[in-house]
Structure formats: structure tokens, C-alpha cells
C-alpha atoms as a PDB file:
ATOM      1  CA  UNK A   1      21.317 -13.221 -30.297  1.00  0.00           C
ATOM      2  CA  UNK A   2      24.019 -13.707 -27.637  1.00  0.00           C
ATOM      3  CA  UNK A   3      23.598 -11.017 -24.991  1.00  0.00           C
ATOM      4  CA  UNK A   4      26.139 -10.506 -22.259  1.00  0.00           C
ATOM      5  CA  UNK A   5      23.987  -8.076 -20.248  1.00  0.00           C
ATOM      6  CA  UNK A   6      21.237  -5.455 -20.412  1.00  0.00           C
ATOM      7  CA  UNK A   7      21.298  -2.703 -17.845  1.00  0.00           C
ATOM      8  CA  UNK A   8      20.077   0.764 -17.070  1.00  0.00           C
ATOM      9  CA  UNK A   9      22.626   3.386 -16.079  1.00  0.00           C
ATOM     10  CA  UNK A  10      24.110   6.765 -16.723  1.00  0.00           C
ATOM     11  CA  UNK A  11      25.915   7.069 -20.122  1.00  0.00           C
ATOM     12  CA  UNK A  12      29.563   7.390 -19.400  1.00  0.00           C
ATOM     13  CA  UNK A  13      30.924   8.337 -22.783  1.00  0.00           C
ATOM     14  CA  UNK A  14      30.159  10.121 -26.034  1.00  0.00           C
ATOM     15  CA  UNK A  15      28.372  13.414 -26.441  1.00  0.00           C
ATOM     16  CA  UNK A  16      25.524  11.782 -24.507  1.00  0.00           C
ATOM     17  CA  UNK A  17      27.655  11.389 -21.329  1.00  0.00           C
ATOM     18  CA  UNK A  18      25.661  12.064 -18.233  1.00  0.00           C
ATOM     19  CA  UNK A  19      22.278  10.995 -19.653  1.00  0.00           C
ATOM     20  CA  UNK A  20      20.210   7.970 -18.478  1.00  0.00           C
ATOM     21  CA  UNK A  21      20.636   5.169 -21.008  1.00  0.00           C
ATOM     22  CA  UNK A  22      19.642   1.543 -21.512  1.00  0.00           C
ATOM     23  CA  UNK A  23      22.565  -0.586 -22.545  1.00  0.00           C
ATOM     24  CA  UNK A  24      22.360  -3.833 -24.570  1.00  0.00           C
ATOM     25  CA  UNK A  25      25.819  -5.454 -24.398  1.00  0.00           C
ATOM     26  CA  UNK A  26      26.172  -8.241 -26.998  1.00  0.00           C
ATOM     27  CA  UNK A  27      28.623 -11.041 -26.510  1.00  0.00           C
ATOM     28  CA  UNK A  28      31.693 -11.687 -28.682  1.00  0.00           C
ATOM     29  CA  UNK A  29      34.586  -9.570 -29.895  1.00  0.00           C
ATOM     30  CA  UNK A  30      37.013 -10.049 -32.759  1.00  0.00           C
ATOM     31  CA  UNK A  31      39.972  -8.171 -31.086  1.00  0.00           C
ATOM     32  CA  UNK A  32      41.483  -8.086 -27.614  1.00  0.00           C
ATOM     33  CA  UNK A  33      42.373  -4.410 -26.925  1.00  0.00           C
ATOM     34  CA  UNK A  34      44.840  -3.712 -24.062  1.00  0.00           C
ATOM     35  CA  UNK A  35      42.363  -1.168 -22.562  1.00  0.00           C
ATOM     36  CA  UNK A  36      39.188  -3.286 -22.670  1.00  0.00           C
ATOM     37  CA  UNK A  37      37.143  -2.965 -19.516  1.00  0.00           C
ATOM     38  CA  UNK A  38      34.522  -5.637 -20.512  1.00  0.00           C
ATOM     39  CA  UNK A  39      36.682  -8.838 -20.836  1.00  0.00           C
ATOM     40  CA  UNK A  40      33.597 -10.832 -19.798  1.00  0.00           C
ATOM     41  CA  UNK A  41      31.824  -9.865 -23.009  1.00  0.00           C
ATOM     42  CA  UNK A  42      34.645 -11.016 -25.386  1.00  0.00           C
ATOM     43  CA  UNK A  43      33.567 -14.671 -25.665  1.00  0.00           C
ATOM     44  CA  UNK A  44      31.236 -15.236 -28.591  1.00  0.00           C
ATOM     45  CA  UNK A  45      29.561 -18.092 -26.787  1.00  0.00           C
ATOM     46  CA  UNK A  46      29.208 -16.111 -23.607  1.00  0.00           C
ATOM     47  CA  UNK A  47      26.078 -14.509 -22.237  1.00  0.00           C
ATOM     48  CA  UNK A  48      22.583 -15.924 -22.927  1.00  0.00           C
ATOM     49  CA  UNK A  49      20.469 -16.412 -25.969  1.00  0.00           C
ATOM     50  CA  UNK A  50      17.870 -13.683 -26.475  1.00  0.00           C
ATOM     51  CA  UNK A  51      15.348 -13.213 -29.283  1.00  0.00           C
ATOM     52  CA  UNK A  52      14.683  -9.700 -30.544  1.00  0.00           C
ATOM     53  CA  UNK A  53      11.377  -9.793 -28.662  1.00  0.00           C
ATOM     54  CA  UNK A  54      13.133 -10.813 -25.444  1.00  0.00           C
ATOM     55  CA  UNK A  55      15.433  -7.766 -25.792  1.00  0.00           C
ATOM     56  CA  UNK A  56      12.582  -5.348 -26.523  1.00  0.00           C
ATOM     57  CA  UNK A  57      10.559  -6.695 -23.605  1.00  0.00           C
ATOM     58  CA  UNK A  58      13.660  -6.199 -21.367  1.00  0.00           C
ATOM     59  CA  UNK A  59      14.307  -2.543 -22.406  1.00  0.00           C
ATOM     60  CA  UNK A  60      10.561  -1.652 -21.973  1.00  0.00           C
ATOM     61  CA  UNK A  61      11.054  -2.270 -18.326  1.00  0.00           C
ATOM     62  CA  UNK A  62      13.030   1.000 -17.902  1.00  0.00           C
ATOM     63  CA  UNK A  63      11.616   4.481 -18.143  1.00  0.00           C
ATOM     64  CA  UNK A  64      14.102   5.789 -20.752  1.00  0.00           C
ATOM     65  CA  UNK A  65      14.037   6.499 -24.473  1.00  0.00           C
ATOM     66  CA  UNK A  66      17.818   6.275 -25.143  1.00  0.00           C
ATOM     67  CA  UNK A  67      19.367   2.838 -25.970  1.00  0.00           C
ATOM     68  CA  UNK A  68      22.894   1.931 -26.814  1.00  0.00           C
ATOM     69  CA  UNK A  69      23.944  -1.376 -28.349  1.00  0.00           C
ATOM     70  CA  UNK A  70      27.553  -2.155 -27.491  1.00  0.00           C
ATOM     71  CA  UNK A  71      29.759  -5.187 -26.828  1.00  0.00           C
ATOM     72  CA  UNK A  72      32.141  -6.911 -27.328  1.00  0.00           C
ATOM     73  CA  UNK A  73      31.737  -6.014 -30.955  1.00  0.00           C
ATOM     74  CA  UNK A  74      28.008  -5.769 -31.821  1.00  0.00           C
ATOM     75  CA  UNK A  75      28.421  -6.012 -35.507  1.00  0.00           C
ATOM     76  CA  UNK A  76      29.819  -9.496 -35.392  1.00  0.00           C
ATOM     77  CA  UNK A  77      26.255 -10.745 -34.911  1.00  0.00           C
ATOM     78  CA  UNK A  78      23.926 -11.070 -37.945  1.00  0.00           C
ATOM     79  CA  UNK A  79      20.902  -9.993 -35.847  1.00  0.00           C
ATOM     80  CA  UNK A  80      22.334  -6.643 -34.856  1.00  0.00           C
ATOM     81  CA  UNK A  81      21.119  -4.611 -37.819  1.00  0.00           C
ATOM     82  CA  UNK A  82      17.552  -5.900 -37.626  1.00  0.00           C
ATOM     83  CA  UNK A  83      17.574  -5.290 -33.923  1.00  0.00           C
ATOM     84  CA  UNK A  84      18.668  -1.746 -34.450  1.00  0.00           C
ATOM     85  CA  UNK A  85      15.809  -1.232 -36.901  1.00  0.00           C
ATOM     86  CA  UNK A  86      13.300  -2.925 -34.621  1.00  0.00           C
ATOM     87  CA  UNK A  87      14.294  -0.619 -31.675  1.00  0.00           C
ATOM     88  CA  UNK A  88      14.189   2.502 -33.987  1.00  0.00           C
ATOM     89  CA  UNK A  89      10.678   1.571 -34.981  1.00  0.00           C
ATOM     90  CA  UNK A  90       9.634   1.778 -31.359  1.00  0.00           C
ATOM     91  CA  UNK A  91      10.777   5.504 -31.292  1.00  0.00           C
ATOM     92  CA  UNK A  92      13.839   4.978 -29.150  1.00  0.00           C
ATOM     93  CA  UNK A  93      16.931   7.109 -29.854  1.00  0.00           C
ATOM     94  CA  UNK A  94      19.658   4.540 -30.690  1.00  0.00           C
ATOM     95  CA  UNK A  95      23.412   4.615 -30.255  1.00  0.00           C
ATOM     96  CA  UNK A  96      25.792   1.990 -31.650  1.00  0.00           C
ATOM     97  CA  UNK A  97      29.316   1.626 -30.294  1.00  0.00           C
ATOM     98  CA  UNK A  98      31.585  -0.357 -32.603  1.00  0.00           C
ATOM     99  CA  UNK A  99      35.379  -0.915 -32.610  1.00  0.00           C
ATOM    100  CA  UNK A 100      35.785   0.269 -36.307  1.00  0.00           C
ATOM    101  CA  UNK A 101      36.915  -3.140 -37.692  1.00  0.00           C
ATOM    102  CA  UNK A 102      33.553  -4.151 -39.067  1.00  0.00           C
ATOM    103  CA  UNK A 103      31.555  -2.755 -42.051  1.00  0.00           C
ATOM    104  CA  UNK A 104      29.126  -0.013 -40.967  1.00  0.00           C
ATOM    105  CA  UNK A 105      27.719   0.803 -44.397  1.00  0.00           C
ATOM    106  CA  UNK A 106      24.302  -0.918 -43.708  1.00  0.00           C
ATOM    107  CA  UNK A 107      23.647   0.678 -40.330  1.00  0.00           C
ATOM    108  CA  UNK A 108      20.517   2.856 -40.542  1.00  0.00           C
ATOM    109  CA  UNK A 109      21.460   6.501 -40.751  1.00  0.00           C
ATOM    110  CA  UNK A 110      19.025   7.297 -37.869  1.00  0.00           C
ATOM    111  CA  UNK A 111      21.460   5.470 -35.591  1.00  0.00           C
ATOM    112  CA  UNK A 112      24.256   7.478 -34.079  1.00  0.00           C
ATOM    113  CA  UNK A 113      27.398   5.491 -34.693  1.00  0.00           C
ATOM    114  CA  UNK A 114      30.175   5.861 -32.077  1.00  0.00           C
ATOM    115  CA  UNK A 115      33.163   4.422 -33.998  1.00  0.00           C
ATOM    116  CA  UNK A 116      36.507   3.613 -32.398  1.00  0.00           C
ATOM    117  CA  UNK A 117      39.836   4.095 -34.178  1.00  0.00           C
ATOM    118  CA  UNK A 118      42.295   1.925 -32.268  1.00  0.00           C
ATOM    119  CA  UNK A 119      45.609   3.635 -31.240  1.00  0.00           C
ATOM    120  CA  UNK A 120      48.928   1.832 -31.293  1.00  0.00           C
ATOM    121  CA  UNK A 121      49.001   1.188 -27.466  1.00  0.00           C
ATOM    122  CA  UNK A 122      45.763  -0.843 -27.805  1.00  0.00           C
ATOM    123  CA  UNK A 123      47.724  -3.493 -29.708  1.00  0.00           C
ATOM    124  CA  UNK A 124      45.438  -3.049 -32.714  1.00  0.00           C
ATOM    125  CA  UNK A 125      46.671   0.226 -34.318  1.00  0.00           C
ATOM    126  CA  UNK A 126      45.862  -0.131 -38.059  1.00  0.00           C
ATOM    127  CA  UNK A 127      42.776  -2.333 -37.472  1.00  0.00           C
ATOM    128  CA  UNK A 128      40.372   0.385 -38.512  1.00  0.00           C
ATOM    129  CA  UNK A 129      38.444  -0.586 -41.648  1.00  0.00           C
ATOM    130  CA  UNK A 130      39.201   2.345 -43.885  1.00  0.00           C
ATOM    131  CA  UNK A 131      36.196   1.873 -46.115  1.00  0.00           C
ATOM    132  CA  UNK A 132      34.131   2.910 -43.129  1.00  0.00           C
ATOM    133  CA  UNK A 133      35.256   6.504 -43.685  1.00  0.00           C
ATOM    134  CA  UNK A 134      32.758   6.529 -46.629  1.00  0.00           C
ATOM    135  CA  UNK A 135      29.836   5.883 -44.187  1.00  0.00           C
ATOM    136  CA  UNK A 136      30.675   8.350 -41.424  1.00  0.00           C
ATOM    137  CA  UNK A 137      28.031  11.054 -41.343  1.00  0.00           C
ATOM    138  CA  UNK A 138      27.995  14.402 -39.390  1.00  0.00           C
ATOM    139  CA  UNK A 139      25.840  12.932 -36.631  1.00  0.00           C
ATOM    140  CA  UNK A 140      28.398  10.104 -35.896  1.00  0.00           C
ATOM    141  CA  UNK A 141      31.225  10.227 -33.405  1.00  0.00           C
ATOM    142  CA  UNK A 142      34.843   9.076 -33.662  1.00  0.00           C
ATOM    143  CA  UNK A 143      36.574   7.954 -30.577  1.00  0.00           C
ATOM    144  CA  UNK A 144      40.286   7.532 -29.790  1.00  0.00           C
ATOM    145  CA  UNK A 145      41.435   5.892 -26.496  1.00  0.00           C
ATOM    146  CA  UNK A 146      44.847   7.538 -25.777  1.00  0.00           C
ATOM    147  CA  UNK A 147      47.511   6.122 -23.455  1.00  0.00           C
ATOM    148  CA  UNK A 148      50.537   8.096 -24.273  1.00  0.00           C
ATOM    149  CA  UNK A 149      52.054  10.783 -26.586  1.00  0.00           C
ATOM    150  CA  UNK A 150      52.480   8.315 -29.475  1.00  0.00           C
ATOM    151  CA  UNK A 151      48.703   7.521 -29.397  1.00  0.00           C
ATOM    152  CA  UNK A 152      47.968  11.251 -29.196  1.00  0.00           C
ATOM    153  CA  UNK A 153      50.130  11.981 -32.286  1.00  0.00           C
ATOM    154  CA  UNK A 154      48.585   9.069 -34.121  1.00  0.00           C
ATOM    155  CA  UNK A 155      45.071  10.363 -33.408  1.00  0.00           C
ATOM    156  CA  UNK A 156      45.899  13.858 -34.393  1.00  0.00           C
ATOM    157  CA  UNK A 157      47.361  12.660 -37.648  1.00  0.00           C
ATOM    158  CA  UNK A 158      44.447  10.362 -38.405  1.00  0.00           C
ATOM    159  CA  UNK A 159      41.975  13.261 -37.887  1.00  0.00           C
ATOM    160  CA  UNK A 160      43.957  15.556 -40.190  1.00  0.00           C
ATOM    161  CA  UNK A 161      44.439  12.986 -42.935  1.00  0.00           C
ATOM    162  CA  UNK A 162      41.204  11.003 -42.884  1.00  0.00           C
ATOM    163  CA  UNK A 163      38.333  12.545 -40.879  1.00  0.00           C
ATOM    164  CA  UNK A 164      38.568  16.165 -41.855  1.00  0.00           C
ATOM    165  CA  UNK A 165      34.932  17.482 -41.992  1.00  0.00           C
ATOM    166  CA  UNK A 166      33.138  14.133 -42.006  1.00  0.00           C
ATOM    167  CA  UNK A 167      32.084  14.784 -38.447  1.00  0.00           C
ATOM    168  CA  UNK A 168      33.094  17.244 -35.714  1.00  0.00           C
ATOM    169  CA  UNK A 169      32.092  14.825 -32.901  1.00  0.00           C
ATOM    170  CA  UNK A 170      35.626  13.745 -32.003  1.00  0.00           C
ATOM    171  CA  UNK A 171      36.288  12.062 -28.597  1.00  0.00           C
ATOM    172  CA  UNK A 172      39.793  11.847 -27.031  1.00  0.00           C
ATOM    173  CA  UNK A 173      39.407   9.452 -24.133  1.00  0.00           C
ATOM    174  CA  UNK A 174      42.344   8.996 -21.715  1.00  0.00           C
ATOM    175  CA  UNK A 175      43.186   5.371 -21.171  1.00  0.00           C
ATOM    176  CA  UNK A 176      42.691   4.438 -17.540  1.00  0.00           C
ATOM    177  CA  UNK A 177      44.848   4.620 -15.499  1.00  0.00           C
ATOM    178  CA  UNK A 178      47.868   5.080 -17.853  1.00  0.00           C
ATOM    179  CA  UNK A 179      46.956   8.494 -19.365  1.00  0.00           C
ATOM    180  CA  UNK A 180      46.650  11.501 -17.020  1.00  0.00           C
ATOM    181  CA  UNK A 181      43.626  13.479 -18.239  1.00  0.00           C
ATOM    182  CA  UNK A 182      45.288  16.689 -17.245  1.00  0.00           C
ATOM    183  CA  UNK A 183      48.239  15.918 -19.424  1.00  0.00           C
ATOM    184  CA  UNK A 184      45.924  15.042 -22.347  1.00  0.00           C
ATOM    185  CA  UNK A 185      44.026  18.256 -21.729  1.00  0.00           C
ATOM    186  CA  UNK A 186      47.329  20.235 -21.928  1.00  0.00           C
ATOM    187  CA  UNK A 187      48.224  18.652 -25.332  1.00  0.00           C
ATOM    188  CA  UNK A 188      44.715  19.385 -26.702  1.00  0.00           C
ATOM    189  CA  UNK A 189      44.939  23.054 -25.668  1.00  0.00           C
ATOM    190  CA  UNK A 190      48.556  23.503 -26.938  1.00  0.00           C
ATOM    191  CA  UNK A 191      47.516  22.226 -30.390  1.00  0.00           C
ATOM    192  CA  UNK A 192      44.189  23.977 -30.409  1.00  0.00           C
ATOM    193  CA  UNK A 193      42.430  20.803 -31.376  1.00  0.00           C
ATOM    194  CA  UNK A 194      38.551  20.939 -31.703  1.00  0.00           C
ATOM    195  CA  UNK A 195      38.031  17.627 -29.897  1.00  0.00           C
ATOM    196  CA  UNK A 196      36.155  16.580 -26.785  1.00  0.00           C
ATOM    197  CA  UNK A 197      38.141  15.344 -23.794  1.00  0.00           C
ATOM    198  CA  UNK A 198      36.280  12.209 -22.842  1.00  0.00           C
ATOM    199  CA  UNK A 199      36.928  10.915 -19.323  1.00  0.00           C
ATOM    200  CA  UNK A 200      34.979   7.700 -18.620  1.00  0.00           C
ATOM    201  CA  UNK A 201      32.267   8.911 -16.353  1.00  0.00           C
ATOM    202  CA  UNK A 202      31.082   5.314 -15.651  1.00  0.00           C
ATOM    203  CA  UNK A 203      34.409   4.461 -14.015  1.00  0.00           C
ATOM    204  CA  UNK A 204      33.805   7.151 -11.408  1.00  0.00           C
ATOM    205  CA  UNK A 205      30.225   5.930 -10.874  1.00  0.00           C
ATOM    206  CA  UNK A 206      31.412   2.340 -10.382  1.00  0.00           C
ATOM    207  CA  UNK A 207      34.013   3.459  -7.944  1.00  0.00           C
ATOM    208  CA  UNK A 208      31.573   5.462  -5.888  1.00  0.00           C
ATOM    209  CA  UNK A 209      28.954   2.775  -5.942  1.00  0.00           C
ATOM    210  CA  UNK A 210      31.285  -0.228  -5.338  1.00  0.00           C
ATOM    211  CA  UNK A 211      29.857  -0.991  -1.858  1.00  0.00           C
ATOM    212  CA  UNK A 212      26.346  -1.299  -3.378  1.00  0.00           C
ATOM    213  CA  UNK A 213      26.489  -1.250  -7.180  1.00  0.00           C
ATOM    214  CA  UNK A 214      22.731  -1.720  -7.476  1.00  0.00           C
ATOM    215  CA  UNK A 215      22.280   1.813  -6.367  1.00  0.00           C
ATOM    216  CA  UNK A 216      23.668   2.867  -9.750  1.00  0.00           C
ATOM    217  CA  UNK A 217      23.385  -0.186 -11.991  1.00  0.00           C
ATOM    218  CA  UNK A 218      20.358  -2.311 -12.661  1.00  0.00           C
ATOM    219  CA  UNK A 219      21.511  -5.312 -14.702  1.00  0.00           C
ATOM    220  CA  UNK A 220      20.088  -8.422 -16.274  1.00  0.00           C
ATOM    221  CA  UNK A 221      22.650 -11.083 -17.012  1.00  0.00           C
ATOM    222  CA  UNK A 222      20.289 -13.935 -17.885  1.00  0.00           C
ATOM    223  CA  UNK A 223      17.491 -14.498 -20.271  1.00  0.00           C
ATOM    224  CA  UNK A 224      14.277 -12.945 -18.873  1.00  0.00           C
ATOM    225  CA  UNK A 225      11.649 -15.434 -17.560  1.00  0.00           C
END
């Protein structure tokens, strides 16, 4: 598999925000969102080649039972589903973050899927694979990255029309730095939406640790020796 990086940090998003987590960032993405903060992971030929055993050996270095597989877009790689299953078999709790454009029906139901629905400002509004709605379960999470009022109205309408009671784990993440989180909070309160305001905690951690990032992040960019 092509791996961009493996690192141990504090989870910055989802309902798991604030918890220690091992991240496996796979290389390659099929879209180029305006708000992407991991451009270095977009190239399908980027990163380094890892076997499943290489990855498992790397995550075992960290004293943590929570693992997230992210990207790029992790479901582009054929080895992702077997990797998810292999990590589950080792009794890790597993999260999968996906951009919503790839089929999720074969993802093990023990995996918590964090599924993006791209808003218009991303440049990929309408890219969500609608058949994925059939495979969202209550444990899963739906995330909208919101940059303006148009994105907010799009997200609100999508929830009402398509998500309904499939899951109540709904994340409204303000796009940084375009969307003021106080303004987004105001809109949520005015409309009485049952959604979670999701500031990106990891951005604050990176900013605070910019002089010495290793005090927060432990990363492996290359194949382990």
C-alpha cells in the first residue's frame, strides 16, 4: 500500500476529538477540495510502499488502541478493506475517514465511518455517492465542511432530505479561515439543529507546537527499517 505518513497525535475531529489516536494516512486522492489541508497526500504515487505487516508493526509502537485510516482518499486503494479487517482483529478501535465519493458498502460494520459530504465551496458539491446512504449506520458520522451561508443551507437541506435518522452524529466543521465559528454557531442555534460544531482541534495544536512539532506529533514518513 502507498502510505503518506503514520503518526500518533490527538484526534482533532469527529466525536472522538481530544482522544489520543494513531493515524495511518494513505496516499492518493480522486478530488482536489478547496479546503484540503493535506495536499502532500493527494498524489497516488506519493509516500512509501508498506505491507499490511509493516503498518501493523508501526502502529504497535504506540501505546494507543484507537486507529484512524485517512488520506487522501483511503478507499482508492484495494488493500484498505483487508487492512481495516486486520487491524480490527488485533482489537483496535478503528475509524475510517472518507470523502464520500467511493463505495462504502463493504466496510466492516465494526468500523466507525466518518463520511464527508462535500459542500459547494469545496468545488465538489454533488460529488457524494448517493448509494452510500444505504450503508450509513447509527454509529457512523457525517461531516460537512462549511465556508459560507450557501454551504450551511446546502448542509441543512441535505440532512433534512437524505440523512434523517440514519445517524445523529452530524459534524458541521467551519472551513479555516473563511468561516467564523462563532457565526456558524449562531446559525446552528437559530435553526435549532441537532448537529455538532466541529472546530479542527489539530489546527490549534499545530499552531501551538509550531516551534517544536515533535512535542505533539510523532510521525513516520518512510518505510520502517
